[in-house]
Amino acid sequence: MEQERTFMDYTRMHNGLVGKIFYHRCPDDERYFRTIRIGFNPFTNALQPQISNAVMGEPPEQLEAINPAMLNRLMKVQMGSAFH
């Protein structure tokens, strides 16, 4: 009998990124930033960026900037899985 995976199982499988929140400065206006939460989509079996609306101000100190290459990869995976 196959056992169902829990949210914690998926978190461990993806190096603890699931649930982590980063920030990204808006390229067109550095006064604004967005927060990006890494979620897991069980339907596509992939990580999914959950991006906030732009906010004017400084990002909270406890958040780290997301690596642009990681954000690019997450966005590509999301776009590619939308058509399956």
PDB file of N, CA and C in Angstrom:
ATOM      1  N   MET A   1       0.840  -1.167   0.000  1.00  0.00           N
ATOM      2  CA  MET A   1       0.000   0.000   0.000  1.00  0.00           C
ATOM      3  C   MET A   1       0.896   1.246   0.000  1.00  0.00           C
ATOM      4  N   GLU A   2       0.597   2.197  -0.884  1.00  0.00           N
ATOM      5  CA  GLU A   2       1.375   3.423  -0.982  1.00  0.00           C
ATOM      6  C   GLU A   2       0.893   4.431   0.054  1.00  0.00           C
ATOM      7  N   GLN A   3       1.842   5.034   0.734  1.00  0.00           N
ATOM      8  CA  GLN A   3       1.513   6.007   1.766  1.00  0.00           C
ATOM      9  C   GLN A   3       1.493   7.408   1.149  1.00  0.00           C
ATOM     10  N   GLU A   4       0.517   8.231   1.554  1.00  0.00           N
ATOM     11  CA  GLU A   4       0.439   9.597   1.055  1.00  0.00           C
ATOM     12  C   GLU A   4       1.581  10.428   1.598  1.00  0.00           C
ATOM     13  N   ARG A   5       2.081  11.324   0.753  1.00  0.00           N
ATOM     14  CA  ARG A   5       3.136  12.236   1.195  1.00  0.00           C
ATOM     15  C   ARG A   5       2.503  13.451   1.857  1.00  0.00           C
ATOM     16  N   THR A   6       3.217  13.957   2.847  1.00  0.00           N
ATOM     17  CA  THR A   6       2.735  15.132   3.565  1.00  0.00           C
ATOM     18  C   THR A   6       3.489  16.367   3.089  1.00  0.00           C
ATOM     19  N   PHE A   7       3.039  17.532   3.525  1.00  0.00           N
ATOM     20  CA  PHE A   7       3.715  18.781   3.207  1.00  0.00           C
ATOM     21  C   PHE A   7       5.167  18.736   3.662  1.00  0.00           C
ATOM     22  N   MET A   8       5.420  18.156   4.824  1.00  0.00           N
ATOM     23  CA  MET A   8       6.784  18.069   5.344  1.00  0.00           C
ATOM     24  C   MET A   8       7.664  17.182   4.464  1.00  0.00           C
ATOM     25  N   ASP A   9       7.092  16.120   3.895  1.00  0.00           N
ATOM     26  CA  ASP A   9       7.854  15.269   2.972  1.00  0.00           C
ATOM     27  C   ASP A   9       8.315  16.075   1.764  1.00  0.00           C
ATOM     28  N   TYR A  10       7.415  16.867   1.188  1.00  0.00           N
ATOM     29  CA  TYR A  10       7.769  17.690   0.032  1.00  0.00           C
ATOM     30  C   TYR A  10       8.800  18.755   0.407  1.00  0.00           C
ATOM     31  N   THR A  11       8.693  19.305   1.607  1.00  0.00           N
ATOM     32  CA  THR A  11       9.662  20.299   2.063  1.00  0.00           C
ATOM     33  C   THR A  11      11.052  19.681   2.134  1.00  0.00           C
ATOM     34  N   ARG A  12      11.158  18.497   2.692  1.00  0.00           N
ATOM     35  CA  ARG A  12      12.456  17.823   2.781  1.00  0.00           C
ATOM     36  C   ARG A  12      12.990  17.464   1.398  1.00  0.00           C
ATOM     37  N   MET A  13      12.122  17.055   0.494  1.00  0.00           N
ATOM     38  CA  MET A  13      12.548  16.663  -0.850  1.00  0.00           C
ATOM     39  C   MET A  13      13.127  17.842  -1.623  1.00  0.00           C
ATOM     40  N   HIS A  14      12.688  19.040  -1.344  1.00  0.00           N
ATOM     41  CA  HIS A  14      13.118  20.214  -2.105  1.00  0.00           C
ATOM     42  C   HIS A  14      14.032  21.115  -1.284  1.00  0.00           C
ATOM     43  N   ASN A  15      14.904  20.511  -0.499  1.00  0.00           N
ATOM     44  CA  ASN A  15      15.957  21.218   0.235  1.00  0.00           C
ATOM     45  C   ASN A  15      15.447  22.344   1.113  1.00  0.00           C
ATOM     46  N   GLY A  16      14.263  22.227   1.633  1.00  0.00           N
ATOM     47  CA  GLY A  16      13.756  23.237   2.548  1.00  0.00           C
ATOM     48  C   GLY A  16      13.318  24.525   1.881  1.00  0.00           C
ATOM     49  N   LEU A  17      13.227  24.567   0.564  1.00  0.00           N
ATOM     50  CA  LEU A  17      12.790  25.791  -0.116  1.00  0.00           C
ATOM     51  C   LEU A  17      11.293  26.021   0.003  1.00  0.00           C
ATOM     52  N   VAL A  18      10.523  24.954   0.114  1.00  0.00           N
ATOM     53  CA  VAL A  18       9.067  25.089   0.192  1.00  0.00           C
ATOM     54  C   VAL A  18       8.704  25.891   1.437  1.00  0.00           C
ATOM     55  N   GLY A  19       7.972  26.971   1.234  1.00  0.00           N
ATOM     56  CA  GLY A  19       7.554  27.834   2.333  1.00  0.00           C
ATOM     57  C   GLY A  19       8.508  28.987   2.599  1.00  0.00           C
ATOM     58  N   LYS A  20       9.685  28.974   1.993  1.00  0.00           N
ATOM     59  CA  LYS A  20      10.653  30.042   2.219  1.00  0.00           C
ATOM     60  C   LYS A  20      10.244  31.286   1.425  1.00  0.00           C
ATOM     61  N   ILE A  21      10.494  32.463   2.007  1.00  0.00           N
ATOM     62  CA  ILE A  21      10.106  33.726   1.381  1.00  0.00           C
ATOM     63  C   ILE A  21      11.356  34.555   1.091  1.00  0.00           C
ATOM     64  N   PHE A  22      11.438  35.052  -0.128  1.00  0.00           N
ATOM     65  CA  PHE A  22      12.537  35.900  -0.583  1.00  0.00           C
ATOM     66  C   PHE A  22      11.961  37.243  -1.018  1.00  0.00           C
ATOM     67  N   TYR A  23      12.840  38.163  -1.394  1.00  0.00           N
ATOM     68  CA  TYR A  23      12.369  39.398  -2.022  1.00  0.00           C
ATOM     69  C   TYR A  23      13.128  39.624  -3.322  1.00  0.00           C
ATOM     70  N   HIS A  24      12.525  40.433  -4.194  1.00  0.00           N
ATOM     71  CA  HIS A  24      13.123  40.782  -5.483  1.00  0.00           C
ATOM     72  C   HIS A  24      12.799  42.241  -5.765  1.00  0.00           C
ATOM     73  N   ARG A  25      13.826  43.043  -6.021  1.00  0.00           N
ATOM     74  CA  ARG A  25      13.611  44.456  -6.363  1.00  0.00           C
ATOM     75  C   ARG A  25      13.062  44.552  -7.775  1.00  0.00           C
ATOM     76  N   CYS A  26      12.119  45.449  -7.984  1.00  0.00           N
ATOM     77  CA  CYS A  26      11.537  45.647  -9.309  1.00  0.00           C
ATOM     78  C   CYS A  26      12.591  46.282 -10.220  1.00  0.00           C
ATOM     79  N   PRO A  27      12.854  45.696 -11.371  1.00  0.00           N
ATOM     80  CA  PRO A  27      13.909  46.210 -12.239  1.00  0.00           C
ATOM     81  C   PRO A  27      13.599  47.586 -12.838  1.00  0.00           C
ATOM     82  N   ASP A  28      12.322  47.917 -12.974  1.00  0.00           N
ATOM     83  CA  ASP A  28      11.964  49.208 -13.579  1.00  0.00           C
ATOM     84  C   ASP A  28      11.946  50.357 -12.574  1.00  0.00           C
ATOM     85  N   ASP A  29      11.892  50.042 -11.268  1.00  0.00           N
ATOM     86  CA  ASP A  29      11.904  51.075 -10.233  1.00  0.00           C
ATOM     87  C   ASP A  29      12.417  50.457  -8.937  1.00  0.00           C
ATOM     88  N   GLU A  30      13.664  50.756  -8.603  1.00  0.00           N
ATOM     89  CA  GLU A  30      14.324  50.155  -7.433  1.00  0.00           C
ATOM     90  C   GLU A  30      13.674  50.520  -6.100  1.00  0.00           C
ATOM     91  N   ARG A  31      12.765  51.484  -6.100  1.00  0.00           N
ATOM     92  CA  ARG A  31      12.083  51.840  -4.852  1.00  0.00           C
ATOM     93  C   ARG A  31      11.055  50.787  -4.460  1.00  0.00           C
ATOM     94  N   TYR A  32      10.692  49.885  -5.380  1.00  0.00           N
ATOM     95  CA  TYR A  32       9.674  48.864  -5.150  1.00  0.00           C
ATOM     96  C   TYR A  32      10.314  47.480  -5.081  1.00  0.00           C
ATOM     97  N   PHE A  33       9.672  46.593  -4.322  1.00  0.00           N
ATOM     98  CA  PHE A  33      10.104  45.199  -4.269  1.00  0.00           C
ATOM     99  C   PHE A  33       8.872  44.308  -4.217  1.00  0.00           C
ATOM    100  N   ARG A  34       9.096  43.045  -4.504  1.00  0.00           N
ATOM    101  CA  ARG A  34       8.044  42.019  -4.403  1.00  0.00           C
ATOM    102  C   ARG A  34       8.558  40.913  -3.490  1.00  0.00           C
ATOM    103  N   THR A  35       7.651  40.275  -2.769  1.00  0.00           N
ATOM    104  CA  THR A  35       8.041  39.093  -2.011  1.00  0.00           C
ATOM    105  C   THR A  35       7.682  37.876  -2.848  1.00  0.00           C
ATOM    106  N   ILE A  36       8.506  36.855  -2.722  1.00  0.00           N
ATOM    107  CA  ILE A  36       8.312  35.627  -3.491  1.00  0.00           C
ATOM    108  C   ILE A  36       8.366  34.459  -2.526  1.00  0.00           C
ATOM    109  N   ARG A  37       7.252  33.772  -2.384  1.00  0.00           N
ATOM    110  CA  ARG A  37       7.178  32.574  -1.532  1.00  0.00           C
ATOM    111  C   ARG A  37       7.293  31.366  -2.442  1.00  0.00           C
ATOM    112  N   ILE A  38       8.112  30.416  -2.049  1.00  0.00           N
ATOM    113  CA  ILE A  38       8.274  29.195  -2.832  1.00  0.00           C
ATOM    114  C   ILE A  38       7.246  28.181  -2.329  1.00  0.00           C
ATOM    115  N   GLY A  39       6.349  27.801  -3.212  1.00  0.00           N
ATOM    116  CA  GLY A  39       5.330  26.813  -2.880  1.00  0.00           C
ATOM    117  C   GLY A  39       5.570  25.536  -3.670  1.00  0.00           C
ATOM    118  N   PHE A  40       4.846  24.500  -3.332  1.00  0.00           N
ATOM    119  CA  PHE A  40       4.926  23.242  -4.072  1.00  0.00           C
ATOM    120  C   PHE A  40       3.567  22.954  -4.672  1.00  0.00           C
ATOM    121  N   ASN A  41       3.544  22.713  -5.981  1.00  0.00           N
ATOM    122  CA  ASN A  41       2.305  22.393  -6.676  1.00  0.00           C
ATOM    123  C   ASN A  41       2.260  20.877  -6.874  1.00  0.00           C
ATOM    124  N   PRO A  42       1.397  20.163  -6.152  1.00  0.00           N
ATOM    125  CA  PRO A  42       1.362  18.710  -6.279  1.00  0.00           C
ATOM    126  C   PRO A  42       0.813  18.234  -7.627  1.00  0.00           C
ATOM    127  N   PHE A  43       0.094  19.089  -8.329  1.00  0.00           N
ATOM    128  CA  PHE A  43      -0.464  18.697  -9.625  1.00  0.00           C
ATOM    129  C   PHE A  43       0.595  18.660 -10.716  1.00  0.00           C
ATOM    130  N   THR A  44       1.597  19.532 -10.610  1.00  0.00           N
ATOM    131  CA  THR A  44       2.693  19.536 -11.584  1.00  0.00           C
ATOM    132  C   THR A  44       3.956  18.901 -11.018  1.00  0.00           C
ATOM    133  N   ASN A  45       3.937  18.574  -9.720  1.00  0.00           N
ATOM    134  CA  ASN A  45       5.081  17.998  -9.032  1.00  0.00           C
ATOM    135  C   ASN A  45       6.301  18.912  -9.155  1.00  0.00           C
ATOM    136  N   ALA A  46       6.078  20.220  -9.001  1.00  0.00           N
ATOM    137  CA  ALA A  46       7.160  21.196  -9.169  1.00  0.00           C
ATOM    138  C   ALA A  46       7.014  22.335  -8.166  1.00  0.00           C
ATOM    139  N   LEU A  47       8.146  23.012  -7.941  1.00  0.00           N
ATOM    140  CA  LEU A  47       8.123  24.218  -7.119  1.00  0.00           C
ATOM    141  C   LEU A  47       7.440  25.330  -7.903  1.00  0.00           C
ATOM    142  N   GLN A  48       6.770  26.214  -7.174  1.00  0.00           N
ATOM    143  CA  GLN A  48       6.004  27.282  -7.811  1.00  0.00           C
ATOM    144  C   GLN A  48       6.234  28.586  -7.063  1.00  0.00           C
ATOM    145  N   PRO A  49       6.646  29.642  -7.781  1.00  0.00           N
ATOM    146  CA  PRO A  49       6.806  30.939  -7.116  1.00  0.00           C
ATOM    147  C   PRO A  49       5.446  31.598  -6.912  1.00  0.00           C
ATOM    148  N   GLN A  50       5.226  32.115  -5.729  1.00  0.00           N
ATOM    149  CA  GLN A  50       3.994  32.852  -5.418  1.00  0.00           C
ATOM    150  C   GLN A  50       4.428  34.293  -5.176  1.00  0.00           C
ATOM    151  N   ILE A  51       4.155  35.157  -6.154  1.00  0.00           N
ATOM    152  CA  ILE A  51       4.725  36.497  -6.193  1.00  0.00           C
ATOM    153  C   ILE A  51       3.685  37.532  -5.772  1.00  0.00           C
ATOM    154  N   SER A  52       4.098  38.422  -4.873  1.00  0.00           N
ATOM    155  CA  SER A  52       3.198  39.460  -4.373  1.00  0.00           C
ATOM    156  C   SER A  52       3.137  40.632  -5.352  1.00  0.00           C
ATOM    157  N   ASN A  53       2.218  41.542  -5.082  1.00  0.00           N
ATOM    158  CA  ASN A  53       2.195  42.809  -5.801  1.00  0.00           C
ATOM    159  C   ASN A  53       3.403  43.626  -5.357  1.00  0.00           C
ATOM    160  N   ALA A  54       3.790  44.594  -6.172  1.00  0.00           N
ATOM    161  CA  ALA A  54       4.923  45.456  -5.830  1.00  0.00           C
ATOM    162  C   ALA A  54       4.566  46.340  -4.634  1.00  0.00           C
ATOM    163  N   VAL A  55       5.540  46.534  -3.751  1.00  0.00           N
ATOM    164  CA  VAL A  55       5.369  47.355  -2.561  1.00  0.00           C
ATOM    165  C   VAL A  55       6.493  48.383  -2.539  1.00  0.00           C
ATOM    166  N   MET A  56       6.145  49.634  -2.271  1.00  0.00           N
ATOM    167  CA  MET A  56       7.173  50.670  -2.179  1.00  0.00           C
ATOM    168  C   MET A  56       7.807  50.612  -0.795  1.00  0.00           C
ATOM    169  N   GLY A  57       9.129  50.645  -0.756  1.00  0.00           N
ATOM    170  CA  GLY A  57       9.825  50.634   0.523  1.00  0.00           C
ATOM    171  C   GLY A  57      11.004  49.694   0.507  1.00  0.00           C
ATOM    172  N   GLU A  58      11.518  49.441   1.696  1.00  0.00           N
ATOM    173  CA  GLU A  58      12.652  48.540   1.861  1.00  0.00           C
ATOM    174  C   GLU A  58      12.147  47.165   2.285  1.00  0.00           C
ATOM    175  N   PRO A  59      12.740  46.104   1.739  1.00  0.00           N
ATOM    176  CA  PRO A  59      12.336  44.751   2.150  1.00  0.00           C
ATOM    177  C   PRO A  59      12.668  44.511   3.622  1.00  0.00           C
ATOM    178  N   PRO A  60      11.895  43.674   4.297  1.00  0.00           N
ATOM    179  CA  PRO A  60      12.201  43.349   5.697  1.00  0.00           C
ATOM    180  C   PRO A  60      13.593  42.739   5.826  1.00  0.00           C
ATOM    181  N   GLU A  61      14.258  43.040   6.924  1.00  0.00           N
ATOM    182  CA  GLU A  61      15.625  42.577   7.148  1.00  0.00           C
ATOM    183  C   GLU A  61      15.756  41.058   7.144  1.00  0.00           C
ATOM    184  N   GLN A  62      14.737  40.353   7.608  1.00  0.00           N
ATOM    185  CA  GLN A  62      14.833  38.901   7.727  1.00  0.00           C
ATOM    186  C   GLN A  62      14.738  38.186   6.380  1.00  0.00           C
ATOM    187  N   LEU A  63      14.335  38.893   5.316  1.00  0.00           N
ATOM    188  CA  LEU A  63      14.237  38.269   3.998  1.00  0.00           C
ATOM    189  C   LEU A  63      15.537  38.444   3.237  1.00  0.00           C
ATOM    190  N   GLU A  64      15.903  37.413   2.487  1.00  0.00           N
ATOM    191  CA  GLU A  64      17.080  37.524   1.635  1.00  0.00           C
ATOM    192  C   GLU A  64      16.629  37.682   0.184  1.00  0.00           C
ATOM    193  N   ALA A  65      17.484  38.304  -0.613  1.00  0.00           N
ATOM    194  CA  ALA A  65      17.174  38.493  -2.032  1.00  0.00           C
ATOM    195  C   ALA A  65      17.219  37.138  -2.729  1.00  0.00           C
ATOM    196  N   ILE A  66      16.285  36.920  -3.657  1.00  0.00           N
ATOM    197  CA  ILE A  66      16.284  35.671  -4.412  1.00  0.00           C
ATOM    198  C   ILE A  66      17.344  35.758  -5.498  1.00  0.00           C
ATOM    199  N   ASN A  67      18.020  34.662  -5.716  1.00  0.00           N
ATOM    200  CA  ASN A  67      19.006  34.591  -6.779  1.00  0.00           C
ATOM    201  C   ASN A  67      18.265  34.728  -8.110  1.00  0.00           C
ATOM    202  N   PRO A  68      18.667  35.655  -8.986  1.00  0.00           N
ATOM    203  CA  PRO A  68      17.959  35.853 -10.259  1.00  0.00           C
ATOM    204  C   PRO A  68      17.892  34.584 -11.109  1.00  0.00           C
ATOM    205  N   ALA A  69      18.927  33.748 -11.058  1.00  0.00           N
ATOM    206  CA  ALA A  69      18.905  32.500 -11.827  1.00  0.00           C
ATOM    207  C   ALA A  69      17.837  31.550 -11.278  1.00  0.00           C
ATOM    208  N   MET A  70      17.679  31.500  -9.948  1.00  0.00           N
ATOM    209  CA  MET A  70      16.660  30.640  -9.353  1.00  0.00           C
ATOM    210  C   MET A  70      15.265  31.136  -9.713  1.00  0.00           C
ATOM    211  N   LEU A  71      15.051  32.458  -9.657  1.00  0.00           N
ATOM    212  CA  LEU A  71      13.752  33.013 -10.027  1.00  0.00           C
ATOM    213  C   LEU A  71      13.446  32.708 -11.492  1.00  0.00           C
ATOM    214  N   ASN A  72      14.436  32.860 -12.351  1.00  0.00           N
ATOM    215  CA  ASN A  72      14.253  32.573 -13.775  1.00  0.00           C
ATOM    216  C   ASN A  72      13.867  31.109 -13.986  1.00  0.00           C
ATOM    217  N   ARG A  73      14.545  30.203 -13.285  1.00  0.00           N
ATOM    218  CA  ARG A  73      14.242  28.774 -13.417  1.00  0.00           C
ATOM    219  C   ARG A  73      12.829  28.455 -12.918  1.00  0.00           C
ATOM    220  N   LEU A  74      12.451  29.049 -11.788  1.00  0.00           N
ATOM    221  CA  LEU A  74      11.105  28.817 -11.252  1.00  0.00           C
ATOM    222  C   LEU A  74      10.031  29.317 -12.212  1.00  0.00           C
ATOM    223  N   MET A  75      10.281  30.472 -12.833  1.00  0.00           N
ATOM    224  CA  MET A  75       9.304  31.034 -13.765  1.00  0.00           C
ATOM    225  C   MET A  75       9.191  30.170 -15.027  1.00  0.00           C
ATOM    226  N   LYS A  76      10.322  29.636 -15.501  1.00  0.00           N
ATOM    227  CA  LYS A  76      10.294  28.766 -16.682  1.00  0.00           C
ATOM    228  C   LYS A  76       9.531  27.490 -16.411  1.00  0.00           C
ATOM    229  N   VAL A  77       9.758  26.896 -15.248  1.00  0.00           N
ATOM    230  CA  VAL A  77       9.055  25.659 -14.877  1.00  0.00           C
ATOM    231  C   VAL A  77       7.558  25.929 -14.804  1.00  0.00           C
ATOM    232  N   GLN A  78       7.177  27.053 -14.208  1.00  0.00           N
ATOM    233  CA  GLN A  78       5.762  27.393 -14.069  1.00  0.00           C
ATOM    234  C   GLN A  78       5.119  27.598 -15.434  1.00  0.00           C
ATOM    235  N   MET A  79       5.799  28.308 -16.322  1.00  0.00           N
ATOM    236  CA  MET A  79       5.247  28.566 -17.654  1.00  0.00           C
ATOM    237  C   MET A  79       5.146  27.285 -18.472  1.00  0.00           C
ATOM    238  N   GLY A  80       6.145  26.417 -18.356  1.00  0.00           N
ATOM    239  CA  GLY A  80       6.145  25.173 -19.110  1.00  0.00           C
ATOM    240  C   GLY A  80       5.069  24.214 -18.627  1.00  0.00           C
ATOM    241  N   SER A  81       4.807  24.210 -17.332  1.00  0.00           N
ATOM    242  CA  SER A  81       3.825  23.265 -16.800  1.00  0.00           C
ATOM    243  C   SER A  81       2.388  23.738 -17.018  1.00  0.00           C
ATOM    244  N   ALA A  82       2.205  24.986 -17.402  1.00  0.00           N
ATOM    245  CA  ALA A  82       0.845  25.508 -17.605  1.00  0.00           C
ATOM    246  C   ALA A  82       0.176  24.891 -18.834  1.00  0.00           C
ATOM    247  N   PHE A  83       0.970  24.313 -19.721  1.00  0.00           N
ATOM    248  CA  PHE A  83       0.411  23.804 -20.966  1.00  0.00           C
ATOM    249  C   PHE A  83       0.329  22.296 -21.006  1.00  0.00           C
ATOM    250  N   HIS A  84       0.602  21.631 -19.902  1.00  0.00           N
ATOM    251  CA  HIS A  84       0.506  20.158 -19.874  1.00  0.00           C
ATOM    252  C   HIS A  84      -0.864  19.709 -19.493  1.00  0.00           C
TER     253      HIS A  84
END
